[in-house]
Amino acid sequence: MNERDPSATGREPPEPPPGAPPSMPRKFEFSMEIELPGNSSKKQPGTGPAAAAAIEPSRSLVERWRMTPGGRVRDTAATDVDRVIAALMHLWPILAPLIGPFSPLVPLVLWLSFRQRSPLLADHGREVLNAILTLLLLVLVPCIGWVALVVWFPVWLVSLVRGAVAGGGGELFRYPMILRPIR
């Protein structure tokens, strides 16, 4: 059964036989409400599913984050203070043997204090806290966690330094092999 496109011939398709289910329309119109930061909500008309892909992010988001030649994402609006705080969040857990068990509270307090100030600080704080929670989980789970800790701990130490360097440069960073309960 070879049906031709009715829009090509200018004719409507034939009616379905009695008792047959109605056919699906070939084209449809839709509109959606879109709220972008810095813009009021607008109705965007479109046809088909391809129209949803044509929606672009707000200009301020595109201008804030830039891709570096090395493939990393950099926050161009981050201040020097934001970068120093991001680096400190990553380096603070290294001081845990000197400070004691309350060392993980410092990144938590910094994150809670500054996450509204900058998306860079919010992202780095979440990553550090997720890495600390993963470490605590591995330490608290006997046998399996301790065996995994032997492999994970050196990777974590190197990642702390890499995260501090990325935070100091205003770049986003992801720790390898961690759970991410804080989103």
N, C-alpha and C. Protein backbone atom coordinates (compact mmCIF):
# COMPACT_ATOMS: atom_id res chain seq x y z
N MET A 1 0.84 -1.16 0.00
CA MET A 1 0.00 0.00 0.00
C MET A 1 0.89 1.23 0.00
N ASN A 2 0.91 1.93 -1.06
CA ASN A 2 1.80 3.07 -1.23
C ASN A 2 0.98 4.35 -1.17
N GLU A 3 1.00 5.04 -0.01
CA GLU A 3 0.28 6.30 0.12
C GLU A 3 1.21 7.44 -0.18
N ARG A 4 0.70 8.40 -0.92
CA ARG A 4 1.49 9.58 -1.23
C ARG A 4 1.17 10.67 -0.22
N ASP A 5 2.05 11.61 -0.08
CA ASP A 5 1.85 12.75 0.82
C ASP A 5 0.76 13.64 0.24
N PRO A 6 -0.35 13.90 0.99
CA PRO A 6 -1.43 14.71 0.44
C PRO A 6 -1.02 16.15 0.19
N SER A 7 -0.03 16.66 0.92
CA SER A 7 0.37 18.05 0.70
C SER A 7 1.07 18.22 -0.64
N ALA A 8 1.64 17.14 -1.19
CA ALA A 8 2.33 17.23 -2.47
C ALA A 8 1.34 17.35 -3.63
N THR A 9 0.16 16.73 -3.49
CA THR A 9 -0.82 16.75 -4.58
C THR A 9 -1.90 17.79 -4.36
N GLY A 10 -2.00 18.33 -3.15
CA GLY A 10 -3.03 19.31 -2.86
C GLY A 10 -4.36 18.67 -2.51
N ARG A 11 -4.44 17.34 -2.45
CA ARG A 11 -5.67 16.64 -2.12
C ARG A 11 -5.62 16.16 -0.68
N GLU A 12 -6.76 15.98 -0.10
CA GLU A 12 -6.88 15.39 1.24
C GLU A 12 -6.78 13.88 1.10
N PRO A 13 -6.28 13.20 2.14
CA PRO A 13 -6.22 11.73 2.05
C PRO A 13 -7.63 11.13 2.08
N PRO A 14 -7.77 9.93 1.53
CA PRO A 14 -9.11 9.31 1.51
C PRO A 14 -9.56 8.98 2.92
N GLU A 15 -10.86 8.93 3.12
CA GLU A 15 -11.45 8.57 4.42
C GLU A 15 -11.14 7.11 4.72
N PRO A 16 -10.89 6.79 6.02
CA PRO A 16 -10.65 5.38 6.34
C PRO A 16 -11.94 4.58 6.21
N PRO A 17 -11.83 3.27 5.95
CA PRO A 17 -13.04 2.43 5.82
C PRO A 17 -13.79 2.40 7.15
N PRO A 18 -15.08 2.12 7.13
CA PRO A 18 -15.86 2.07 8.38
C PRO A 18 -15.30 1.01 9.33
N GLY A 19 -15.20 1.38 10.61
CA GLY A 19 -14.69 0.46 11.64
C GLY A 19 -13.19 0.53 11.82
N ALA A 20 -12.48 1.21 10.93
CA ALA A 20 -11.03 1.34 11.05
C ALA A 20 -10.70 2.45 12.04
N PRO A 21 -9.60 2.31 12.79
CA PRO A 21 -9.24 3.39 13.73
C PRO A 21 -8.85 4.65 12.96
N PRO A 22 -9.12 5.81 13.55
CA PRO A 22 -8.76 7.04 12.84
C PRO A 22 -7.24 7.16 12.71
N SER A 23 -6.83 7.72 11.58
CA SER A 23 -5.39 7.84 11.36
C SER A 23 -4.85 9.04 12.13
N MET A 24 -3.57 8.99 12.43
CA MET A 24 -2.91 10.08 13.15
C MET A 24 -2.65 11.23 12.19
N PRO A 25 -2.76 12.47 12.65
CA PRO A 25 -2.45 13.58 11.75
C PRO A 25 -0.96 13.60 11.44
N ARG A 26 -0.64 14.04 10.25
CA ARG A 26 0.76 14.05 9.83
C ARG A 26 1.50 15.27 10.37
N LYS A 27 0.81 16.38 10.53
CA LYS A 27 1.43 17.59 11.05
C LYS A 27 0.58 18.08 12.21
N PHE A 28 1.22 18.73 13.16
CA PHE A 28 0.48 19.28 14.28
C PHE A 28 1.12 20.58 14.72
N GLU A 29 0.34 21.41 15.34
CA GLU A 29 0.79 22.69 15.87
C GLU A 29 0.84 22.58 17.38
N PHE A 30 1.80 23.25 17.98
CA PHE A 30 1.85 23.29 19.43
C PHE A 30 2.48 24.60 19.86
N SER A 31 2.28 24.94 21.11
CA SER A 31 2.97 26.08 21.69
C SER A 31 3.34 25.69 23.11
N MET A 32 4.40 26.30 23.62
CA MET A 32 4.86 25.97 24.97
C MET A 32 5.27 27.24 25.68
N GLU A 33 5.22 27.19 27.00
CA GLU A 33 5.67 28.29 27.84
C GLU A 33 7.14 28.05 28.17
N ILE A 34 7.97 29.04 27.95
CA ILE A 34 9.40 28.93 28.22
C ILE A 34 9.79 30.05 29.15
N GLU A 35 10.46 29.71 30.24
CA GLU A 35 10.99 30.73 31.14
C GLU A 35 12.50 30.63 31.13
N LEU A 36 13.13 31.66 30.64
CA LEU A 36 14.58 31.74 30.62
C LEU A 36 15.03 32.81 31.59
N PRO A 37 16.18 32.62 32.24
CA PRO A 37 16.66 33.66 33.16
C PRO A 37 16.84 34.98 32.43
N GLY A 38 16.32 36.03 32.99
CA GLY A 38 16.47 37.35 32.40
C GLY A 38 15.42 37.68 31.36
N ASN A 39 14.56 36.75 31.00
CA ASN A 39 13.52 37.00 30.02
C ASN A 39 12.17 36.71 30.65
N SER A 40 11.13 37.37 30.17
CA SER A 40 9.79 37.01 30.60
C SER A 40 9.36 35.79 29.80
N SER A 41 8.34 35.09 30.28
CA SER A 41 7.92 33.89 29.55
C SER A 41 7.25 34.31 28.25
N LYS A 42 7.52 33.55 27.20
CA LYS A 42 7.01 33.85 25.87
C LYS A 42 6.39 32.59 25.30
N LYS A 43 5.45 32.75 24.43
CA LYS A 43 4.92 31.61 23.70
C LYS A 43 5.74 31.45 22.43
N GLN A 44 6.19 30.24 22.20
CA GLN A 44 7.00 29.96 21.01
C GLN A 44 6.20 29.02 20.12
N PRO A 45 5.69 29.49 19.00
CA PRO A 45 4.98 28.58 18.10
C PRO A 45 5.98 27.69 17.37
N GLY A 46 5.52 26.52 16.97
CA GLY A 46 6.39 25.63 16.23
C GLY A 46 5.61 24.52 15.59
N THR A 47 6.23 23.78 14.73
CA THR A 47 5.60 22.61 14.13
C THR A 47 6.55 21.45 14.30
N GLY A 48 6.02 20.33 14.76
CA GLY A 48 6.81 19.12 14.89
C GLY A 48 7.78 19.16 16.05
N PRO A 49 8.42 18.04 16.32
CA PRO A 49 9.35 17.97 17.46
C PRO A 49 10.64 18.74 17.24
N ALA A 50 10.98 19.08 16.01
CA ALA A 50 12.23 19.81 15.76
C ALA A 50 12.17 21.22 16.30
N ALA A 51 10.98 21.78 16.48
CA ALA A 51 10.87 23.15 16.96
C ALA A 51 11.35 23.26 18.41
N ALA A 52 11.18 22.21 19.20
CA ALA A 52 11.64 22.25 20.59
C ALA A 52 13.16 22.32 20.66
N ALA A 53 13.85 21.75 19.69
CA ALA A 53 15.31 21.78 19.69
C ALA A 53 15.86 23.14 19.30
N ALA A 54 15.04 23.99 18.72
CA ALA A 54 15.51 25.29 18.26
C ALA A 54 15.57 26.33 19.37
N ILE A 55 15.13 25.98 20.58
CA ILE A 55 15.14 26.92 21.69
C ILE A 55 16.57 27.08 22.18
N GLU A 56 17.02 28.31 22.31
CA GLU A 56 18.39 28.58 22.71
C GLU A 56 18.44 29.07 24.15
N PRO A 57 19.56 28.81 24.87
CA PRO A 57 19.68 29.33 26.24
C PRO A 57 19.82 30.83 26.24
N SER A 58 19.60 31.43 27.40
CA SER A 58 19.68 32.87 27.48
C SER A 58 21.11 33.35 27.19
N ARG A 59 21.21 34.55 26.74
CA ARG A 59 22.51 35.11 26.33
C ARG A 59 23.48 35.20 27.50
N SER A 60 22.99 35.53 28.69
CA SER A 60 23.89 35.70 29.83
C SER A 60 24.56 34.38 30.21
N LEU A 61 23.85 33.24 30.08
CA LEU A 61 24.46 31.94 30.38
C LEU A 61 25.54 31.60 29.37
N VAL A 62 25.27 31.88 28.11
CA VAL A 62 26.24 31.56 27.06
C VAL A 62 27.49 32.41 27.23
N GLU A 63 27.32 33.66 27.61
CA GLU A 63 28.48 34.54 27.77
C GLU A 63 29.26 34.23 29.04
N ARG A 64 28.62 33.70 30.07
CA ARG A 64 29.30 33.44 31.34
C ARG A 64 30.26 32.24 31.24
N TRP A 65 29.85 31.17 30.61
CA TRP A 65 30.65 29.94 30.55
C TRP A 65 31.30 29.83 29.18
N ARG A 66 32.60 29.63 29.16
CA ARG A 66 33.36 29.49 27.90
C ARG A 66 34.15 28.19 27.91
N MET A 67 34.30 27.60 26.75
CA MET A 67 35.09 26.38 26.61
C MET A 67 36.54 26.78 26.36
N THR A 68 37.45 26.21 27.15
CA THR A 68 38.87 26.49 26.97
C THR A 68 39.42 25.64 25.83
N PRO A 69 40.60 25.97 25.30
CA PRO A 69 41.18 25.13 24.24
C PRO A 69 41.42 23.69 24.69
N GLY A 70 41.60 23.48 26.01
CA GLY A 70 41.81 22.13 26.52
C GLY A 70 40.53 21.35 26.72
N GLY A 71 39.38 21.95 26.42
CA GLY A 71 38.11 21.25 26.55
C GLY A 71 37.43 21.42 27.90
N ARG A 72 37.94 22.31 28.74
CA ARG A 72 37.33 22.54 30.04
C ARG A 72 36.38 23.73 29.95
N VAL A 73 35.43 23.78 30.89
CA VAL A 73 34.47 24.87 30.93
C VAL A 73 34.93 25.88 31.97
N ARG A 74 35.03 27.15 31.58
CA ARG A 74 35.53 28.19 32.47
C ARG A 74 34.45 29.24 32.72
N ASP A 75 34.35 29.68 33.97
CA ASP A 75 33.42 30.74 34.35
C ASP A 75 34.13 32.07 34.14
N THR A 76 33.69 32.82 33.13
CA THR A 76 34.36 34.08 32.82
C THR A 76 33.95 35.20 33.76
N ALA A 77 32.85 35.02 34.50
CA ALA A 77 32.38 36.08 35.40
C ALA A 77 32.86 35.88 36.84
N ALA A 78 33.63 34.82 37.11
CA ALA A 78 34.10 34.56 38.47
C ALA A 78 35.16 35.58 38.87
N THR A 79 35.05 36.08 40.10
CA THR A 79 36.04 37.03 40.60
C THR A 79 37.23 36.27 41.18
N ASP A 80 38.28 37.01 41.51
CA ASP A 80 39.45 36.38 42.13
C ASP A 80 39.09 35.76 43.47
N VAL A 81 38.23 36.41 44.23
CA VAL A 81 37.82 35.88 45.53
C VAL A 81 37.06 34.56 45.34
N ASP A 82 36.18 34.49 44.33
CA ASP A 82 35.46 33.25 44.05
C ASP A 82 36.43 32.11 43.74
N ARG A 83 37.45 32.41 42.97
CA ARG A 83 38.43 31.37 42.59
C ARG A 83 39.24 30.90 43.79
N VAL A 84 39.62 31.83 44.68
CA VAL A 84 40.39 31.45 45.87
C VAL A 84 39.54 30.60 46.79
N ILE A 85 38.28 30.96 46.98
CA ILE A 85 37.39 30.17 47.85
C ILE A 85 37.18 28.78 47.25
N ALA A 86 37.01 28.69 45.93
CA ALA A 86 36.85 27.39 45.28
C ALA A 86 38.09 26.51 45.50
N ALA A 87 39.27 27.10 45.38
CA ALA A 87 40.51 26.33 45.60
C ALA A 87 40.62 25.90 47.06
N LEU A 88 40.25 26.77 48.00
CA LEU A 88 40.32 26.41 49.42
C LEU A 88 39.37 25.27 49.77
N MET A 89 38.20 25.25 49.14
CA MET A 89 37.26 24.16 49.39
C MET A 89 37.89 22.81 49.06
N HIS A 90 38.67 22.76 47.99
CA HIS A 90 39.31 21.50 47.59
C HIS A 90 40.51 21.16 48.47
N LEU A 91 41.27 22.14 48.90
CA LEU A 91 42.50 21.87 49.67
C LEU A 91 42.23 21.61 51.14
N TRP A 92 41.11 22.08 51.66
CA TRP A 92 40.86 21.96 53.09
C TRP A 92 40.86 20.51 53.60
N PRO A 93 40.27 19.52 52.91
CA PRO A 93 40.30 18.14 53.42
C PRO A 93 41.71 17.57 53.59
N ILE A 94 42.71 18.12 52.90
CA ILE A 94 44.08 17.64 53.08
C ILE A 94 44.56 17.94 54.49
N LEU A 95 44.03 18.99 55.10
CA LEU A 95 44.42 19.36 56.46
C LEU A 95 43.71 18.55 57.54
N ALA A 96 42.89 17.60 57.18
CA ALA A 96 42.13 16.81 58.15
C ALA A 96 43.00 16.14 59.21
N PRO A 97 44.16 15.56 58.87
CA PRO A 97 44.98 14.95 59.93
C PRO A 97 45.47 15.97 60.95
N LEU A 98 45.65 17.21 60.54
CA LEU A 98 46.12 18.24 61.46
C LEU A 98 44.98 18.85 62.28
N ILE A 99 43.83 19.01 61.67
CA ILE A 99 42.71 19.71 62.31
C ILE A 99 41.82 18.76 63.10
N GLY A 100 41.60 17.57 62.57
CA GLY A 100 40.76 16.61 63.28
C GLY A 100 39.48 16.30 62.52
N PRO A 101 38.56 15.66 63.22
CA PRO A 101 37.35 15.16 62.54
C PRO A 101 36.39 16.26 62.09
N PHE A 102 36.57 17.49 62.54
CA PHE A 102 35.67 18.57 62.14
C PHE A 102 36.12 19.26 60.86
N SER A 103 37.16 18.75 60.24
CA SER A 103 37.67 19.34 59.01
C SER A 103 36.64 19.37 57.88
N PRO A 104 35.79 18.33 57.69
CA PRO A 104 34.80 18.41 56.60
C PRO A 104 33.75 19.50 56.80
N LEU A 105 33.64 20.03 58.00
CA LEU A 105 32.65 21.08 58.23
C LEU A 105 33.04 22.39 57.55
N VAL A 106 34.32 22.64 57.35
CA VAL A 106 34.76 23.89 56.74
C VAL A 106 34.27 24.01 55.29
N PRO A 107 34.45 22.99 54.42
CA PRO A 107 33.87 23.10 53.07
C PRO A 107 32.35 23.23 53.09
N LEU A 108 31.70 22.56 54.05
CA LEU A 108 30.25 22.67 54.16
C LEU A 108 29.82 24.10 54.49
N VAL A 109 30.50 24.71 55.46
CA VAL A 109 30.17 26.09 55.84
C VAL A 109 30.47 27.06 54.68
N LEU A 110 31.60 26.85 53.99
CA LEU A 110 31.93 27.71 52.85
C LEU A 110 30.88 27.56 51.74
N TRP A 111 30.47 26.33 51.48
CA TRP A 111 29.48 26.10 50.43
C TRP A 111 28.14 26.73 50.80
N LEU A 112 27.70 26.52 52.04
CA LEU A 112 26.42 27.11 52.46
C LEU A 112 26.47 28.64 52.46
N SER A 113 27.63 29.20 52.75
CA SER A 113 27.77 30.65 52.81
C SER A 113 27.84 31.30 51.43
N PHE A 114 28.50 30.65 50.48
CA PHE A 114 28.81 31.30 49.21
C PHE A 114 28.12 30.70 47.99
N ARG A 115 27.27 29.71 48.15
CA ARG A 115 26.69 29.07 46.96
C ARG A 115 25.75 30.01 46.19
N GLN A 116 25.17 30.99 46.87
CA GLN A 116 24.31 31.96 46.19
C GLN A 116 25.12 33.04 45.47
N ARG A 117 26.36 33.19 45.86
CA ARG A 117 27.21 34.25 45.31
C ARG A 117 27.64 33.96 43.88
N SER A 118 27.95 32.69 43.62
CA SER A 118 28.50 32.37 42.31
C SER A 118 28.17 30.92 41.96
N PRO A 119 27.81 30.64 40.69
CA PRO A 119 27.59 29.25 40.28
C PRO A 119 28.88 28.43 40.35
N LEU A 120 30.02 29.08 40.19
CA LEU A 120 31.30 28.37 40.30
C LEU A 120 31.48 27.83 41.72
N LEU A 121 31.20 28.65 42.73
CA LEU A 121 31.33 28.21 44.12
C LEU A 121 30.29 27.14 44.46
N ALA A 122 29.10 27.28 43.94
CA ALA A 122 28.07 26.28 44.19
C ALA A 122 28.49 24.93 43.62
N ASP A 123 29.04 24.92 42.42
CA ASP A 123 29.45 23.67 41.79
C ASP A 123 30.65 23.04 42.50
N HIS A 124 31.67 23.83 42.81
CA HIS A 124 32.86 23.28 43.48
C HIS A 124 32.52 22.80 44.89
N GLY A 125 31.68 23.53 45.59
CA GLY A 125 31.28 23.11 46.93
C GLY A 125 30.54 21.78 46.91
N ARG A 126 29.62 21.62 45.95
CA ARG A 126 28.89 20.35 45.83
C ARG A 126 29.85 19.20 45.55
N GLU A 127 30.80 19.41 44.65
CA GLU A 127 31.74 18.35 44.32
C GLU A 127 32.59 17.95 45.52
N VAL A 128 33.09 18.92 46.27
CA VAL A 128 33.92 18.61 47.44
C VAL A 128 33.10 17.85 48.48
N LEU A 129 31.88 18.31 48.74
CA LEU A 129 31.05 17.63 49.74
C LEU A 129 30.68 16.22 49.29
N ASN A 130 30.41 16.02 48.02
CA ASN A 130 30.14 14.67 47.53
C ASN A 130 31.36 13.77 47.67
N ALA A 131 32.56 14.31 47.43
CA ALA A 131 33.78 13.52 47.60
C ALA A 131 34.00 13.17 49.08
N ILE A 132 33.73 14.11 49.98
CA ILE A 132 33.88 13.85 51.41
C ILE A 132 32.87 12.81 51.87
N LEU A 133 31.63 12.90 51.39
CA LEU A 133 30.62 11.90 51.77
C LEU A 133 30.99 10.51 51.25
N THR A 134 31.56 10.44 50.04
CA THR A 134 32.01 9.15 49.52
C THR A 134 33.13 8.58 50.38
N LEU A 135 34.07 9.42 50.80
CA LEU A 135 35.16 8.98 51.67
C LEU A 135 34.60 8.46 53.00
N LEU A 136 33.68 9.19 53.60
CA LEU A 136 33.09 8.75 54.87
C LEU A 136 32.36 7.43 54.72
N LEU A 137 31.66 7.25 53.62
CA LEU A 137 30.96 5.99 53.38
C LEU A 137 31.94 4.83 53.26
N LEU A 138 33.04 5.04 52.54
CA LEU A 138 34.03 3.97 52.39
C LEU A 138 34.72 3.64 53.71
N VAL A 139 34.92 4.64 54.55
CA VAL A 139 35.56 4.40 55.85
C VAL A 139 34.61 3.66 56.79
N LEU A 140 33.33 3.97 56.73
CA LEU A 140 32.37 3.39 57.66
C LEU A 140 31.92 1.99 57.28
N VAL A 141 32.06 1.60 56.02
CA VAL A 141 31.64 0.26 55.58
C VAL A 141 32.83 -0.68 55.72
N PRO A 142 32.75 -1.65 56.63
CA PRO A 142 33.90 -2.56 56.79
C PRO A 142 34.06 -3.48 55.58
N CYS A 143 35.21 -4.06 55.47
CA CYS A 143 35.62 -5.03 54.44
C CYS A 143 35.59 -4.45 53.04
N ILE A 144 34.42 -4.39 52.40
CA ILE A 144 34.34 -3.95 51.00
C ILE A 144 34.78 -2.49 50.88
N GLY A 145 34.29 -1.63 51.78
CA GLY A 145 34.66 -0.23 51.73
C GLY A 145 36.14 -0.01 51.96
N TRP A 146 36.72 -0.79 52.86
CA TRP A 146 38.14 -0.62 53.16
C TRP A 146 39.01 -1.08 52.00
N VAL A 147 38.59 -2.14 51.31
CA VAL A 147 39.34 -2.61 50.15
C VAL A 147 39.25 -1.56 49.02
N ALA A 148 38.06 -1.02 48.82
CA ALA A 148 37.88 0.01 47.79
C ALA A 148 38.64 1.28 48.16
N LEU A 149 38.76 1.55 49.45
CA LEU A 149 39.45 2.74 49.92
C LEU A 149 40.93 2.71 49.55
N VAL A 150 41.52 1.52 49.50
CA VAL A 150 42.93 1.39 49.14
C VAL A 150 43.17 1.92 47.73
N VAL A 151 42.25 1.69 46.82
CA VAL A 151 42.38 2.18 45.45
C VAL A 151 41.91 3.63 45.36
N TRP A 152 40.82 3.95 46.06
CA TRP A 152 40.17 5.25 45.89
C TRP A 152 40.92 6.39 46.57
N PHE A 153 41.54 6.15 47.72
CA PHE A 153 42.16 7.23 48.48
C PHE A 153 43.28 7.96 47.72
N PRO A 154 44.22 7.26 47.07
CA PRO A 154 45.24 7.99 46.29
C PRO A 154 44.63 8.79 45.13
N VAL A 155 43.61 8.24 44.49
CA VAL A 155 42.94 8.96 43.41
C VAL A 155 42.29 10.22 43.98
N TRP A 156 41.70 10.13 45.15
CA TRP A 156 41.04 11.26 45.80
C TRP A 156 42.05 12.36 46.14
N LEU A 157 43.22 11.96 46.68
CA LEU A 157 44.24 12.97 47.03
C LEU A 157 44.72 13.74 45.80
N VAL A 158 44.97 13.02 44.71
CA VAL A 158 45.39 13.68 43.47
C VAL A 158 44.27 14.57 42.94
N SER A 159 43.04 14.10 43.05
CA SER A 159 41.90 14.89 42.57
C SER A 159 41.68 16.15 43.39
N LEU A 160 42.00 16.10 44.69
CA LEU A 160 41.89 17.31 45.50
C LEU A 160 42.78 18.42 44.96
N VAL A 161 44.00 18.05 44.61
CA VAL A 161 44.93 19.04 44.07
C VAL A 161 44.48 19.51 42.68
N ARG A 162 44.05 18.57 41.84
CA ARG A 162 43.56 18.95 40.52
C ARG A 162 42.33 19.85 40.61
N GLY A 163 41.45 19.56 41.58
CA GLY A 163 40.26 20.39 41.79
C GLY A 163 40.63 21.78 42.26
N ALA A 164 41.64 21.88 43.13
CA ALA A 164 42.08 23.19 43.60
C ALA A 164 42.66 24.02 42.45
N VAL A 165 43.42 23.37 41.58
CA VAL A 165 43.98 24.07 40.42
C VAL A 165 42.85 24.53 39.48
N ALA A 166 41.87 23.65 39.25
CA ALA A 166 40.74 24.03 38.38
C ALA A 166 39.93 25.15 39.01
N GLY A 167 39.68 25.05 40.32
CA GLY A 167 38.93 26.11 41.00
C GLY A 167 39.66 27.43 40.98
N GLY A 168 40.98 27.40 41.14
CA GLY A 168 41.78 28.61 41.08
C GLY A 168 41.78 29.24 39.70
N GLY A 169 41.57 28.42 38.67
CA GLY A 169 41.51 28.93 37.31
C GLY A 169 40.10 29.29 36.87
N GLY A 170 39.10 29.10 37.75
CA GLY A 170 37.72 29.40 37.39
C GLY A 170 37.08 28.35 36.52
N GLU A 171 37.65 27.13 36.49
CA GLU A 171 37.12 26.05 35.66
C GLU A 171 36.29 25.09 36.49
N LEU A 172 35.35 24.42 35.85
CA LEU A 172 34.57 23.38 36.52
C LEU A 172 35.42 22.13 36.65
N PHE A 173 35.11 21.31 37.67
CA PHE A 173 35.89 20.10 37.91
C PHE A 173 34.96 19.01 38.43
N ARG A 174 35.19 17.77 38.01
CA ARG A 174 34.44 16.61 38.49
C ARG A 174 35.43 15.59 39.06
N TYR A 175 35.15 15.15 40.29
CA TYR A 175 35.95 14.09 40.90
C TYR A 175 35.59 12.77 40.24
N PRO A 176 36.60 11.93 39.97
CA PRO A 176 36.28 10.60 39.45
C PRO A 176 35.85 9.67 40.59
N MET A 177 35.05 8.71 40.27
CA MET A 177 34.65 7.63 41.18
C MET A 177 34.03 8.12 42.50
N ILE A 178 33.08 9.04 42.45
CA ILE A 178 32.40 9.46 43.68
C ILE A 178 30.90 9.33 43.50
N LEU A 179 30.22 9.21 44.62
CA LEU A 179 28.76 9.26 44.63
C LEU A 179 28.36 10.73 44.63
N ARG A 180 27.24 11.05 44.06
CA ARG A 180 26.79 12.45 44.02
C ARG A 180 25.40 12.59 44.63
N PRO A 181 25.29 12.43 45.96
CA PRO A 181 23.97 12.61 46.59
C PRO A 181 23.52 14.06 46.64
N ILE A 182 24.46 15.00 46.67
CA ILE A 182 24.11 16.42 46.69
C ILE A 182 24.12 16.90 45.26
N ARG A 183 22.98 17.36 44.79
CA ARG A 183 22.87 17.80 43.39
C ARG A 183 22.73 19.27 43.31
